[in-house]
Amino acid sequence: MSQFTSSYSSQSYSSYSSSSTSGGQTTGSAYAQQSQTDPSGTKVQTKSQNLGEPVVSETRQYDAQGRPVLESSTASGGDRRIEGARVEDVTDEKDNEAARRYQERIEDEYAKREGGA
């Protein structure tokens, strides 16, 4: 008995850009997306940029069943980097202390209303 193996791949690409000037002020943006699909899954790469700002690149990968595999974003040309696969708490200690005091006051207020304090 012979075994049939299917092999395929596809690619697509789209882009746009626009700009306008009003009152001597020029604004603009550009966007491009490339998609590649093969038996192992799909990879979608996008790049976007507003005039005067760094390029933002994003890559999304999906397995053969369409489930997300990896997600990442970066902004080049500046010192900003966004990691889509990681969440980092950037709240400083001063904000944490203020939030803790606020939470205590709220809890005390509820306790007073319920007759507990």
Protein backbone atom coordinates (compact mmCIF):
# COMPACT_ATOMS: atom_id res chain seq x y z
CA MET A 1 0.00 0.00 0.00
CA SER A 2 1.44 3.39 -0.92
CA GLN A 3 1.31 6.40 1.36
CA PHE A 4 0.30 9.79 -0.03
CA THR A 5 2.13 12.83 1.39
CA SER A 6 0.75 16.29 0.81
CA SER A 7 3.12 19.23 0.57
CA TYR A 8 2.04 22.81 0.03
CA SER A 9 3.09 26.35 0.78
CA SER A 10 1.67 29.78 0.15
CA GLN A 11 2.76 33.36 0.64
CA SER A 12 0.95 36.66 0.62
CA TYR A 13 2.08 40.25 0.97
CA SER A 14 0.20 43.51 1.39
CA SER A 15 1.23 47.05 2.23
CA TYR A 16 0.01 50.61 2.31
CA SER A 17 1.34 54.04 3.12
CA SER A 18 -0.26 57.43 3.45
CA SER A 19 0.70 60.98 4.27
CA SER A 20 -0.99 64.32 4.47
CA THR A 21 -0.05 67.90 5.17
CA SER A 22 -2.31 70.36 6.92
CA GLY A 23 -1.27 73.77 8.16
CA GLY A 24 2.37 72.99 7.44
CA GLN A 25 2.22 69.83 9.60
CA THR A 26 2.92 66.54 7.79
CA THR A 27 1.67 63.25 9.17
CA GLY A 28 2.04 59.81 7.69
CA SER A 29 2.11 56.09 8.32
CA ALA A 30 3.12 52.88 6.59
CA TYR A 31 2.13 49.26 7.14
CA ALA A 32 3.25 45.97 5.59
CA GLN A 33 2.23 42.37 6.26
CA GLN A 34 3.73 39.15 4.93
CA SER A 35 2.23 35.72 5.55
CA GLN A 36 3.84 32.34 4.85
CA THR A 37 2.02 29.03 5.26
CA ASP A 38 3.31 25.48 4.92
CA PRO A 39 2.33 22.10 6.44
CA SER A 40 3.94 23.01 9.79
CA GLY A 41 1.89 26.22 10.23
CA THR A 42 1.73 29.91 9.44
CA LYS A 43 4.06 32.82 10.14
CA VAL A 44 2.71 36.38 9.89
CA GLN A 45 5.13 39.30 9.98
CA THR A 46 3.93 42.90 10.20
CA LYS A 47 5.80 46.19 10.25
CA SER A 48 4.26 49.58 10.88
CA GLN A 49 5.59 53.08 11.34
CA ASN A 50 4.19 56.51 11.98
CA LEU A 51 6.16 59.40 10.51
CA GLY A 52 9.02 60.33 12.83
CA GLU A 53 8.64 57.24 15.04
CA PRO A 54 10.54 53.94 15.12
CA VAL A 55 9.43 50.94 13.07
CA VAL A 56 7.34 48.45 15.05
CA SER A 57 7.80 44.84 13.93
CA GLU A 58 5.62 41.95 15.03
CA THR A 59 5.88 38.25 14.24
CA ARG A 60 3.11 35.79 15.02
CA GLN A 61 3.45 32.07 14.47
CA TYR A 62 0.67 29.47 14.42
CA ASP A 63 0.96 25.69 14.33
CA ALA A 64 -0.78 23.54 11.73
CA GLN A 65 -4.01 23.60 13.81
CA GLY A 66 -4.00 27.43 13.98
CA ARG A 67 -2.91 27.71 17.63
CA PRO A 68 -0.51 30.58 18.49
CA VAL A 69 3.08 29.40 18.97
CA LEU A 70 5.15 32.52 19.62
CA GLU A 71 4.43 36.20 19.71
CA SER A 72 6.96 39.00 19.84
CA SER A 73 7.15 42.70 19.04
CA THR A 74 10.08 45.06 18.80
CA ALA A 75 10.49 48.72 18.10
CA SER A 76 13.74 49.57 16.37
CA GLY A 77 15.37 52.93 16.08
CA GLY A 78 14.68 53.73 19.72
CA ASP A 79 15.38 52.23 23.10
CA ARG A 80 11.94 50.62 23.40
CA ARG A 81 11.52 46.86 23.26
CA ILE A 82 8.24 45.07 23.75
CA GLU A 83 8.28 41.35 24.57
CA GLY A 84 4.90 39.88 23.71
CA ALA A 85 5.70 36.58 25.42
CA ARG A 86 6.56 38.12 28.80
CA VAL A 87 4.72 40.38 31.23
CA GLU A 88 6.85 42.50 33.54
CA ASP A 89 5.61 44.59 36.47
CA VAL A 90 7.08 48.06 36.07
CA THR A 91 5.19 49.67 38.95
CA ASP A 92 7.65 51.33 41.28
CA GLU A 93 7.63 50.84 45.05
CA LYS A 94 6.10 54.26 45.70
CA ASP A 95 3.04 53.33 43.64
CA ASN A 96 2.81 49.95 45.40
CA GLU A 97 2.87 51.61 48.82
CA ALA A 98 0.17 54.09 47.82
CA ALA A 99 -2.00 51.26 46.45
CA ARG A 100 -1.51 49.23 49.66
CA ARG A 101 -2.54 52.21 51.86
CA TYR A 102 -5.57 52.87 49.64
CA GLN A 103 -6.63 49.20 49.87
CA GLU A 104 -6.32 49.31 53.69
CA ARG A 105 -8.49 52.46 53.86
CA ILE A 106 -11.13 50.88 51.64
CA GLU A 107 -11.17 47.71 53.75
CA ASP A 108 -11.47 49.79 56.95
CA GLU A 109 -14.36 51.77 55.45
CA TYR A 110 -16.21 48.58 54.50
CA ALA A 111 -15.60 47.16 57.97
CA LYS A 112 -17.09 50.34 59.53
CA ARG A 113 -20.18 50.08 57.33
CA GLU A 114 -20.63 46.45 58.31
CA GLY A 115 -20.19 47.25 62.00
CA GLY A 116 -16.87 45.47 62.32
CA ALA A 117 -14.71 48.40 63.47
